[in-house]
Full PDB file with SEQRES, HELIX, SHEET, SSBOND, CRYST1, ORIGX, SCALE, CONECT and MASTER records, all heavy atoms in Angstrom:
SEQRES   1 A   36  GLU TYR THR LEU GLU TYR GLY THR ALA THR LEU GLU ILE          
SEQRES   2 A   36  HIS THR ASP ALA PHE ILE ALA GLY HIS ARG VAL LEU VAL          
SEQRES   3 A   36  MET ASP ASP VAL LEU ALA THR GLY GLY THR                      
SHEET    1 AA1 2 TYR A   2  LEU A   4  0                                        
SHEET    2 AA1 2 GLY A   7  ALA A   9 -1                                        
CRYST1    1.000    1.000    1.000  90.00  90.00  90.00 P 1           1          
ORIGX1      1.000000  0.000000  0.000000        0.00000                         
ORIGX2      0.000000  1.000000  0.000000        0.00000                         
ORIGX3      0.000000  0.000000  1.000000        0.00000                         
SCALE1      1.000000  0.000000  0.000000        0.00000                         
SCALE2      0.000000  1.000000  0.000000        0.00000                         
SCALE3      0.000000  0.000000  1.000000        0.00000                         
ATOM      1  N   GLU A   1       0.857 136.941-189.523  1.00  0.00           N  
ATOM      2  CA  GLU A   1       1.199 138.014-188.557  1.00  0.00           C  
ATOM      3  C   GLU A   1       1.512 137.302-187.227  1.00  0.00           C  
ATOM      4  O   GLU A   1       0.942 136.276-186.993  1.00  0.00           O  
ATOM      5  CB  GLU A   1      -0.037 138.865-188.424  1.00  0.00           C  
ATOM      6  CG  GLU A   1      -0.249 139.743-189.610  1.00  0.00           C  
ATOM      7  CD  GLU A   1      -1.421 140.726-189.454  1.00  0.00           C  
ATOM      8  OE1 GLU A   1      -1.757 141.060-188.267  1.00  0.00           O  
ATOM      9  OE2 GLU A   1      -1.974 141.131-190.478  1.00  0.00           O  
ATOM     10  N   TYR A   2       2.373 137.879-186.420  1.00  0.00           N  
ATOM     11  CA  TYR A   2       2.755 137.266-185.177  1.00  0.00           C  
ATOM     12  C   TYR A   2       3.238 138.315-184.223  1.00  0.00           C  
ATOM     13  O   TYR A   2       3.390 139.514-184.581  1.00  0.00           O  
ATOM     14  CB  TYR A   2       3.936 136.235-185.503  1.00  0.00           C  
ATOM     15  CG  TYR A   2       5.170 136.818-185.968  1.00  0.00           C  
ATOM     16  CD1 TYR A   2       6.244 137.114-185.140  1.00  0.00           C  
ATOM     17  CD2 TYR A   2       5.319 137.258-187.327  1.00  0.00           C  
ATOM     18  CE1 TYR A   2       7.427 137.693-185.559  1.00  0.00           C  
ATOM     19  CE2 TYR A   2       6.490 137.804-187.824  1.00  0.00           C  
ATOM     20  CZ  TYR A   2       7.550 138.040-186.938  1.00  0.00           C  
ATOM     21  OH  TYR A   2       8.671 138.639-187.347  1.00  0.00           O  
ATOM     22  N   THR A   3       3.447 137.883-182.960  1.00  0.00           N  
ATOM     23  CA  THR A   3       3.837 138.763-181.841  1.00  0.00           C  
ATOM     24  C   THR A   3       5.310 138.453-181.581  1.00  0.00           C  
ATOM     25  O   THR A   3       5.749 137.319-181.465  1.00  0.00           O  
ATOM     26  CB  THR A   3       3.014 138.511-180.650  1.00  0.00           C  
ATOM     27  OG1 THR A   3       1.599 138.697-181.033  1.00  0.00           O  
ATOM     28  CG2 THR A   3       3.377 139.514-179.536  1.00  0.00           C  
ATOM     29  N   LEU A   4       6.039 139.545-181.406  1.00  0.00           N  
ATOM     30  CA  LEU A   4       7.424 139.545-180.964  1.00  0.00           C  
ATOM     31  C   LEU A   4       7.471 139.883-179.497  1.00  0.00           C  
ATOM     32  O   LEU A   4       6.469 140.337-178.958  1.00  0.00           O  
ATOM     33  CB  LEU A   4       8.294 140.563-181.685  1.00  0.00           C  
ATOM     34  CG  LEU A   4       8.353 140.500-183.214  1.00  0.00           C  
ATOM     35  CD1 LEU A   4       8.389 141.885-183.816  1.00  0.00           C  
ATOM     36  CD2 LEU A   4       9.578 139.688-183.627  1.00  0.00           C  
ATOM     37  N   GLU A   5       8.675 139.726-178.932  1.00  0.00           N  
ATOM     38  CA  GLU A   5       8.854 140.181-177.481  1.00  0.00           C  
ATOM     39  C   GLU A   5       8.651 141.716-177.284  1.00  0.00           C  
ATOM     40  O   GLU A   5       8.484 142.231-176.246  1.00  0.00           O  
ATOM     41  CB  GLU A   5      10.164 139.700-176.902  1.00  0.00           C  
ATOM     42  CG  GLU A   5      11.432 140.208-177.584  1.00  0.00           C  
ATOM     43  CD  GLU A   5      11.836 139.410-178.804  1.00  0.00           C  
ATOM     44  OE1 GLU A   5      11.111 138.686-179.389  1.00  0.00           O  
ATOM     45  OE2 GLU A   5      13.040 139.682-179.142  1.00  0.00           O  
ATOM     46  N   TYR A   6       8.816 142.491-178.431  1.00  0.00           N  
ATOM     47  CA  TYR A   6       8.681 143.956-178.335  1.00  0.00           C  
ATOM     48  C   TYR A   6       7.710 144.574-179.378  1.00  0.00           C  
ATOM     49  O   TYR A   6       7.855 145.716-179.739  1.00  0.00           O  
ATOM     50  CB  TYR A   6      10.036 144.554-178.477  1.00  0.00           C  
ATOM     51  CG  TYR A   6      10.877 143.973-179.678  1.00  0.00           C  
ATOM     52  CD1 TYR A   6      10.676 144.551-180.961  1.00  0.00           C  
ATOM     53  CD2 TYR A   6      11.778 142.966-179.537  1.00  0.00           C  
ATOM     54  CE1 TYR A   6      11.317 144.019-182.052  1.00  0.00           C  
ATOM     55  CE2 TYR A   6      12.482 142.506-180.595  1.00  0.00           C  
ATOM     56  CZ  TYR A   6      12.261 143.031-181.814  1.00  0.00           C  
ATOM     57  OH  TYR A   6      12.954 142.486-182.948  1.00  0.00           O  
ATOM     58  N   GLY A   7       6.693 143.701-179.914  1.00  0.00           N  
ATOM     59  CA  GLY A   7       5.761 144.305-180.779  1.00  0.00           C  
ATOM     60  C   GLY A   7       5.066 143.197-181.680  1.00  0.00           C  
ATOM     61  O   GLY A   7       5.139 142.049-181.266  1.00  0.00           O  
ATOM     62  N   THR A   8       4.661 143.522-182.874  1.00  0.00           N  
ATOM     63  CA  THR A   8       4.119 142.611-183.806  1.00  0.00           C  
ATOM     64  C   THR A   8       4.762 142.806-185.184  1.00  0.00           C  
ATOM     65  O   THR A   8       5.338 143.859-185.441  1.00  0.00           O  
ATOM     66  CB  THR A   8       2.570 142.860-183.901  1.00  0.00           C  
ATOM     67  OG1 THR A   8       2.320 144.141-184.410  1.00  0.00           O  
ATOM     68  CG2 THR A   8       1.885 142.620-182.640  1.00  0.00           C  
ATOM     69  N   ALA A   9       4.632 141.834-185.994  1.00  0.00           N  
ATOM     70  CA  ALA A   9       5.206 141.874-187.389  1.00  0.00           C  
ATOM     71  C   ALA A   9       4.430 140.930-188.260  1.00  0.00           C  
ATOM     72  O   ALA A   9       3.674 140.124-187.872  1.00  0.00           O  
ATOM     73  CB  ALA A   9       6.731 141.549-187.312  1.00  0.00           C  
ATOM     74  N   THR A  10       4.804 140.993-189.571  1.00  0.00           N  
ATOM     75  CA  THR A  10       4.205 140.087-190.576  1.00  0.00           C  
ATOM     76  C   THR A  10       5.369 139.507-191.401  1.00  0.00           C  
ATOM     77  O   THR A  10       6.247 140.219-191.783  1.00  0.00           O  
ATOM     78  CB  THR A  10       3.208 140.905-191.494  1.00  0.00           C  
ATOM     79  OG1 THR A  10       2.249 141.511-190.676  1.00  0.00           O  
ATOM     80  CG2 THR A  10       2.627 140.005-192.512  1.00  0.00           C  
ATOM     81  N   LEU A  11       5.259 138.180-191.649  1.00  0.00           N  
ATOM     82  CA  LEU A  11       6.215 137.549-192.563  1.00  0.00           C  
ATOM     83  C   LEU A  11       5.483 136.981-193.809  1.00  0.00           C  
ATOM     84  O   LEU A  11       4.277 136.747-193.721  1.00  0.00           O  
ATOM     85  CB  LEU A  11       6.865 136.323-191.829  1.00  0.00           C  
ATOM     86  CG  LEU A  11       7.823 136.669-190.677  1.00  0.00           C  
ATOM     87  CD1 LEU A  11       8.219 135.390-189.979  1.00  0.00           C  
ATOM     88  CD2 LEU A  11       8.942 137.497-191.128  1.00  0.00           C  
ATOM     89  N   GLU A  12       6.271 136.810-194.870  1.00  0.00           N  
ATOM     90  CA  GLU A  12       5.682 136.252-196.041  1.00  0.00           C  
ATOM     91  C   GLU A  12       6.706 135.288-196.676  1.00  0.00           C  
ATOM     92  O   GLU A  12       7.881 135.323-196.429  1.00  0.00           O  
ATOM     93  CB  GLU A  12       5.463 137.383-197.102  1.00  0.00           C  
ATOM     94  CG  GLU A  12       4.397 138.349-196.628  1.00  0.00           C  
ATOM     95  CD  GLU A  12       4.130 139.429-197.676  1.00  0.00           C  
ATOM     96  OE1 GLU A  12       5.073 139.830-198.471  1.00  0.00           O  
ATOM     97  OE2 GLU A  12       2.961 139.925-197.709  1.00  0.00           O  
ATOM     98  N   ILE A  13       6.086 134.333-197.435  1.00  0.00           N  
ATOM     99  CA  ILE A  13       6.903 133.343-198.211  1.00  0.00           C  
ATOM    100  C   ILE A  13       6.160 133.228-199.582  1.00  0.00           C  
ATOM    101  O   ILE A  13       4.933 133.407-199.647  1.00  0.00           O  
ATOM    102  CB  ILE A  13       6.950 132.043-197.472  1.00  0.00           C  
ATOM    103  CG1 ILE A  13       8.036 131.162-198.070  1.00  0.00           C  
ATOM    104  CG2 ILE A  13       5.528 131.322-197.486  1.00  0.00           C  
ATOM    105  CD1 ILE A  13       8.349 129.892-197.222  1.00  0.00           C  
ATOM    106  N   HIS A  14       6.907 132.949-200.609  1.00  0.00           N  
ATOM    107  CA  HIS A  14       6.306 132.730-201.971  1.00  0.00           C  
ATOM    108  C   HIS A  14       5.429 131.516-201.867  1.00  0.00           C  
ATOM    109  O   HIS A  14       5.742 130.444-201.291  1.00  0.00           O  
ATOM    110  CB  HIS A  14       7.383 132.487-203.010  1.00  0.00           C  
ATOM    111  CG  HIS A  14       7.967 133.803-203.505  1.00  0.00           C  
ATOM    112  ND1 HIS A  14       9.404 134.011-203.483  1.00  0.00           N  
ATOM    113  CD2 HIS A  14       7.419 134.892-203.997  1.00  0.00           C  
ATOM    114  CE1 HIS A  14       9.557 135.184-204.031  1.00  0.00           C  
ATOM    115  NE2 HIS A  14       8.387 135.788-204.300  1.00  0.00           N  
ATOM    116  N   THR A  15       4.236 131.650-202.552  1.00  0.00           N  
ATOM    117  CA  THR A  15       3.315 130.505-202.559  1.00  0.00           C  
ATOM    118  C   THR A  15       3.889 129.332-203.296  1.00  0.00           C  
ATOM    119  O   THR A  15       3.511 128.152-203.009  1.00  0.00           O  
ATOM    120  CB  THR A  15       2.052 130.881-203.211  1.00  0.00           C  
ATOM    121  OG1 THR A  15       2.311 131.393-204.565  1.00  0.00           O  
ATOM    122  CG2 THR A  15       1.221 131.978-202.426  1.00  0.00           C  
ATOM    123  N   ASP A  16       4.867 129.552-204.199  1.00  0.00           N  
ATOM    124  CA  ASP A  16       5.463 128.445-205.001  1.00  0.00           C  
ATOM    125  C   ASP A  16       6.847 128.144-204.562  1.00  0.00           C  
ATOM    126  O   ASP A  16       7.680 127.570-205.312  1.00  0.00           O  
ATOM    127  CB  ASP A  16       5.364 128.742-206.484  1.00  0.00           C  
ATOM    128  CG  ASP A  16       6.225 130.001-206.819  1.00  0.00           C  
ATOM    129  OD1 ASP A  16       6.783 130.671-205.896  1.00  0.00           O  
ATOM    130  OD2 ASP A  16       6.316 130.304-208.033  1.00  0.00           O  
ATOM    131  N   ALA A  17       7.164 128.346-203.292  1.00  0.00           N  
ATOM    132  CA  ALA A  17       8.521 128.175-202.766  1.00  0.00           C  
ATOM    133  C   ALA A  17       9.027 126.770-202.736  1.00  0.00           C  
ATOM    134  O   ALA A  17      10.227 126.478-202.726  1.00  0.00           O  
ATOM    135  CB  ALA A  17       8.633 128.858-201.405  1.00  0.00           C  
ATOM    136  N   PHE A  18       8.112 125.804-202.672  1.00  0.00           N  
ATOM    137  CA  PHE A  18       8.466 124.382-202.467  1.00  0.00           C  
ATOM    138  C   PHE A  18       7.786 123.407-203.498  1.00  0.00           C  
ATOM    139  O   PHE A  18       6.702 123.752-203.971  1.00  0.00           O  
ATOM    140  CB  PHE A  18       8.013 123.941-201.028  1.00  0.00           C  
ATOM    141  CG  PHE A  18       8.509 124.822-199.972  1.00  0.00           C  
ATOM    142  CD1 PHE A  18       7.734 125.738-199.256  1.00  0.00           C  
ATOM    143  CD2 PHE A  18       9.885 124.754-199.621  1.00  0.00           C  
ATOM    144  CE1 PHE A  18       8.176 126.541-198.279  1.00  0.00           C  
ATOM    145  CE2 PHE A  18      10.390 125.609-198.628  1.00  0.00           C  
ATOM    146  CZ  PHE A  18       9.638 126.461-197.932  1.00  0.00           C  
ATOM    147  N   ILE A  19       8.412 122.332-203.624  1.00  0.00           N  
ATOM    148  CA  ILE A  19       7.713 121.194-204.261  1.00  0.00           C  
ATOM    149  C   ILE A  19       6.933 120.480-203.217  1.00  0.00           C  
ATOM    150  O   ILE A  19       7.534 120.353-202.033  1.00  0.00           O  
ATOM    151  CB  ILE A  19       8.825 120.327-204.912  1.00  0.00           C  
ATOM    152  CG1 ILE A  19       9.594 121.001-206.058  1.00  0.00           C  
ATOM    153  CG2 ILE A  19       8.168 118.973-205.439  1.00  0.00           C  
ATOM    154  CD1 ILE A  19      10.764 120.257-206.579  1.00  0.00           C  
ATOM    155  N   ALA A  20       5.734 120.052-203.512  1.00  0.00           N  
ATOM    156  CA  ALA A  20       4.967 119.308-202.445  1.00  0.00           C  
ATOM    157  C   ALA A  20       5.732 118.222-201.808  1.00  0.00           C  
ATOM    158  O   ALA A  20       6.489 117.465-202.456  1.00  0.00           O  
ATOM    159  CB  ALA A  20       3.737 118.766-203.110  1.00  0.00           C  
ATOM    160  N   GLY A  21       5.751 118.218-200.498  1.00  0.00           N  
ATOM    161  CA  GLY A  21       6.431 117.191-199.717  1.00  0.00           C  
ATOM    162  C   GLY A  21       7.856 117.572-199.377  1.00  0.00           C  
ATOM    163  O   GLY A  21       8.563 116.801-198.659  1.00  0.00           O  
ATOM    164  N   HIS A  22       8.413 118.691-199.761  1.00  0.00           N  
ATOM    165  CA  HIS A  22       9.746 119.081-199.413  1.00  0.00           C  
ATOM    166  C   HIS A  22       9.888 119.024-197.846  1.00  0.00           C  
ATOM    167  O   HIS A  22       9.006 119.452-197.180  1.00  0.00           O  
ATOM    168  CB  HIS A  22      10.044 120.537-199.789  1.00  0.00           C  
ATOM    169  CG  HIS A  22      10.827 120.615-201.062  1.00  0.00           C  
ATOM    170  ND1 HIS A  22      10.853 121.726-201.840  1.00  0.00           N  
ATOM    171  CD2 HIS A  22      11.752 119.812-201.691  1.00  0.00           C  
ATOM    172  CE1 HIS A  22      11.628 121.562-202.929  1.00  0.00           C  
ATOM    173  NE2 HIS A  22      12.189 120.378-202.870  1.00  0.00           N  
ATOM    174  N   ARG A  23      10.997 118.577-197.426  1.00  0.00           N  
ATOM    175  CA  ARG A  23      11.334 118.469-196.020  1.00  0.00           C  
ATOM    176  C   ARG A  23      12.193 119.720-195.704  1.00  0.00           C  
ATOM    177  O   ARG A  23      13.250 119.897-196.316  1.00  0.00           O  
ATOM    178  CB  ARG A  23      12.061 117.231-195.690  1.00  0.00           C  
ATOM    179  CG  ARG A  23      11.241 116.007-196.008  1.00  0.00           C  
ATOM    180  CD  ARG A  23      12.156 114.731-195.915  1.00  0.00           C  
ATOM    181  NE  ARG A  23      13.275 114.838-196.936  1.00  0.00           N  
ATOM    182  CZ  ARG A  23      14.362 114.126-196.906  1.00  0.00           C  
ATOM    183  NH1 ARG A  23      14.581 113.248-195.924  1.00  0.00           N  
ATOM    184  NH2 ARG A  23      15.287 114.310-197.794  1.00  0.00           N  
ATOM    185  N   VAL A  24      11.765 120.527-194.671  1.00  0.00           N  
ATOM    186  CA  VAL A  24      12.359 121.808-194.472  1.00  0.00           C  
ATOM    187  C   VAL A  24      12.964 122.050-193.007  1.00  0.00           C  
ATOM    188  O   VAL A  24      12.357 121.533-192.135  1.00  0.00           O  
ATOM    189  CB  VAL A  24      11.302 122.908-194.731  1.00  0.00           C  
ATOM    190  CG1 VAL A  24      11.853 124.274-194.275  1.00  0.00           C  
ATOM    191  CG2 VAL A  24      10.821 122.859-196.161  1.00  0.00           C  
ATOM    192  N   LEU A  25      14.155 122.576-192.967  1.00  0.00           N  
ATOM    193  CA  LEU A  25      14.708 123.068-191.723  1.00  0.00           C  
ATOM    194  C   LEU A  25      14.493 124.509-191.713  1.00  0.00           C  
ATOM    195  O   LEU A  25      14.888 125.257-192.617  1.00  0.00           O  
ATOM    196  CB  LEU A  25      16.225 122.759-191.743  1.00  0.00           C  
ATOM    197  CG  LEU A  25      16.951 123.427-190.629  1.00  0.00           C  
ATOM    198  CD1 LEU A  25      16.495 122.850-189.180  1.00  0.00           C  
ATOM    199  CD2 LEU A  25      18.508 123.110-190.750  1.00  0.00           C  
ATOM    200  N   VAL A  26      13.845 125.031-190.644  1.00  0.00           N  
ATOM    201  CA  VAL A  26      13.674 126.453-190.422  1.00  0.00           C  
ATOM    202  C   VAL A  26      14.716 127.027-189.529  1.00  0.00           C  
ATOM    203  O   VAL A  26      14.951 126.446-188.456  1.00  0.00           O  
ATOM    204  CB  VAL A  26      12.225 126.750-189.839  1.00  0.00           C  
ATOM    205  CG1 VAL A  26      12.049 128.202-189.514  1.00  0.00           C  
ATOM    206  CG2 VAL A  26      11.156 126.317-190.767  1.00  0.00           C  
ATOM    207  N   MET A  27      15.472 127.981-190.005  1.00  0.00           N  
ATOM    208  CA  MET A  27      16.572 128.612-189.230  1.00  0.00           C  
ATOM    209  C   MET A  27      16.368 130.062-188.963  1.00  0.00           C  
ATOM    210  O   MET A  27      15.922 130.824-189.814  1.00  0.00           O  
ATOM    211  CB  MET A  27      17.859 128.447-189.973  1.00  0.00           C  
ATOM    212  CG  MET A  27      18.405 126.994-190.013  1.00  0.00           C  
ATOM    213  SD  MET A  27      20.134 126.955-190.586  1.00  0.00           S  
ATOM    214  CE  MET A  27      20.997 127.534-189.128  1.00  0.00           C  
ATOM    215  N   ASP A  28      16.730 130.467-187.734  1.00  0.00           N  
ATOM    216  CA  ASP A  28      16.752 131.853-187.365  1.00  0.00           C  
ATOM    217  C   ASP A  28      17.908 132.101-186.457  1.00  0.00           C  
ATOM    218  O   ASP A  28      18.426 131.204-185.955  1.00  0.00           O  
ATOM    219  CB  ASP A  28      15.400 132.311-186.805  1.00  0.00           C  
ATOM    220  CG  ASP A  28      15.129 133.809-186.953  1.00  0.00           C  
ATOM    221  OD1 ASP A  28      15.996 134.529-187.574  1.00  0.00           O  
ATOM    222  OD2 ASP A  28      14.096 134.299-186.549  1.00  0.00           O  
ATOM    223  N   ASP A  29      18.182 133.363-186.175  1.00  0.00           N  
ATOM    224  CA  ASP A  29      19.257 133.690-185.264  1.00  0.00           C  
ATOM    225  C   ASP A  29      18.891 133.457-183.788  1.00  0.00           C  
ATOM    226  O   ASP A  29      19.621 132.769-183.115  1.00  0.00           O  
ATOM    227  CB  ASP A  29      19.781 135.103-185.487  1.00  0.00           C  
ATOM    228  CG  ASP A  29      18.710 136.171-185.318  1.00  0.00           C  
ATOM    229  OD1 ASP A  29      17.525 135.890-185.398  1.00  0.00           O  
ATOM    230  OD2 ASP A  29      19.100 137.337-185.077  1.00  0.00           O  
ATOM    231  N   VAL A  30      17.745 133.938-183.382  1.00  0.00           N  
ATOM    232  CA  VAL A  30      17.335 133.879-182.015  1.00  0.00           C  
ATOM    233  C   VAL A  30      15.930 133.324-181.851  1.00  0.00           C  
ATOM    234  O   VAL A  30      15.047 133.680-182.622  1.00  0.00           O  
ATOM    235  CB  VAL A  30      17.425 135.359-181.415  1.00  0.00           C  
ATOM    236  CG1 VAL A  30      16.856 135.295-179.919  1.00  0.00           C  
ATOM    237  CG2 VAL A  30      18.834 135.821-181.470  1.00  0.00           C  
ATOM    238  N   LEU A  31      15.787 132.439-180.924  1.00  0.00           N  
ATOM    239  CA  LEU A  31      14.440 131.920-180.495  1.00  0.00           C  
ATOM    240  C   LEU A  31      14.205 132.674-179.217  1.00  0.00           C  
ATOM    241  O   LEU A  31      14.848 132.469-178.182  1.00  0.00           O  
ATOM    242  CB  LEU A  31      14.500 130.414-180.295  1.00  0.00           C  
ATOM    243  CG  LEU A  31      13.109 129.836-179.745  1.00  0.00           C  
ATOM    244  CD1 LEU A  31      11.964 130.075-180.688  1.00  0.00           C  
ATOM    245  CD2 LEU A  31      13.331 128.393-179.478  1.00  0.00           C  
ATOM    246  N   ALA A  32      13.179 133.588-179.231  1.00  0.00           N  
ATOM    247  CA  ALA A  32      12.749 134.376-178.074  1.00  0.00           C  
ATOM    248  C   ALA A  32      11.422 133.947-177.636  1.00  0.00           C  
ATOM    249  O   ALA A  32      11.259 132.883-177.003  1.00  0.00           O  
ATOM    250  CB  ALA A  32      12.822 135.804-178.421  1.00  0.00           C  
ATOM    251  N   THR A  33      10.322 134.647-178.054  1.00  0.00           N  
ATOM    252  CA  THR A  33       9.034 134.265-177.677  1.00  0.00           C  
ATOM    253  C   THR A  33       8.472 133.093-178.575  1.00  0.00           C  
ATOM    254  O   THR A  33       7.447 132.474-178.177  1.00  0.00           O  
ATOM    255  CB  THR A  33       8.046 135.428-177.779  1.00  0.00           C  
ATOM    256  OG1 THR A  33       7.956 135.776-179.176  1.00  0.00           O  
ATOM    257  CG2 THR A  33       8.468 136.533-176.929  1.00  0.00           C  
ATOM    258  N   GLY A  34       9.171 132.802-179.613  1.00  0.00           N  
ATOM    259  CA  GLY A  34       8.738 131.791-180.506  1.00  0.00           C  
ATOM    260  C   GLY A  34       7.751 132.196-181.634  1.00  0.00           C  
ATOM    261  O   GLY A  34       7.417 131.413-182.501  1.00  0.00           O  
ATOM    262  N   GLY A  35       7.313 133.397-181.571  1.00  0.00           N  
ATOM    263  CA  GLY A  35       6.342 133.904-182.548  1.00  0.00           C  
ATOM    264  C   GLY A  35       6.886 133.907-183.939  1.00  0.00           C  
ATOM    265  O   GLY A  35       6.269 133.474-184.880  1.00  0.00           O  
ATOM    266  N   THR A  36       8.128 134.356-184.176  1.00  0.00           N  
ATOM    267  CA  THR A  36       8.670 134.382-185.530  1.00  0.00           C  
ATOM    268  C   THR A  36       8.814 132.956-186.038  1.00  0.00           C  
ATOM    269  O   THR A  36       8.442 132.663-187.146  1.00  0.00           O  
ATOM    270  CB  THR A  36      10.076 135.079-185.504  1.00  0.00           C  
ATOM    271  OG1 THR A  36       9.909 136.377-184.889  1.00  0.00           O  
ATOM    272  CG2 THR A  36      10.659 135.138-186.869  1.00  0.00           C  
TER     273      THR A  36                                                      
MASTER        0    0    0    0    2    0    0    6  272    1    0    3          
END                                                                             
């Protein structure tokens, strides 16, 4: 759970989404408060 500039929300990811040690780039459209 996290806070947005205009409220709160919840994000989820599959528990088995990665192989241990995967190196990941996280991408989104906008960086606002940084909560997402």
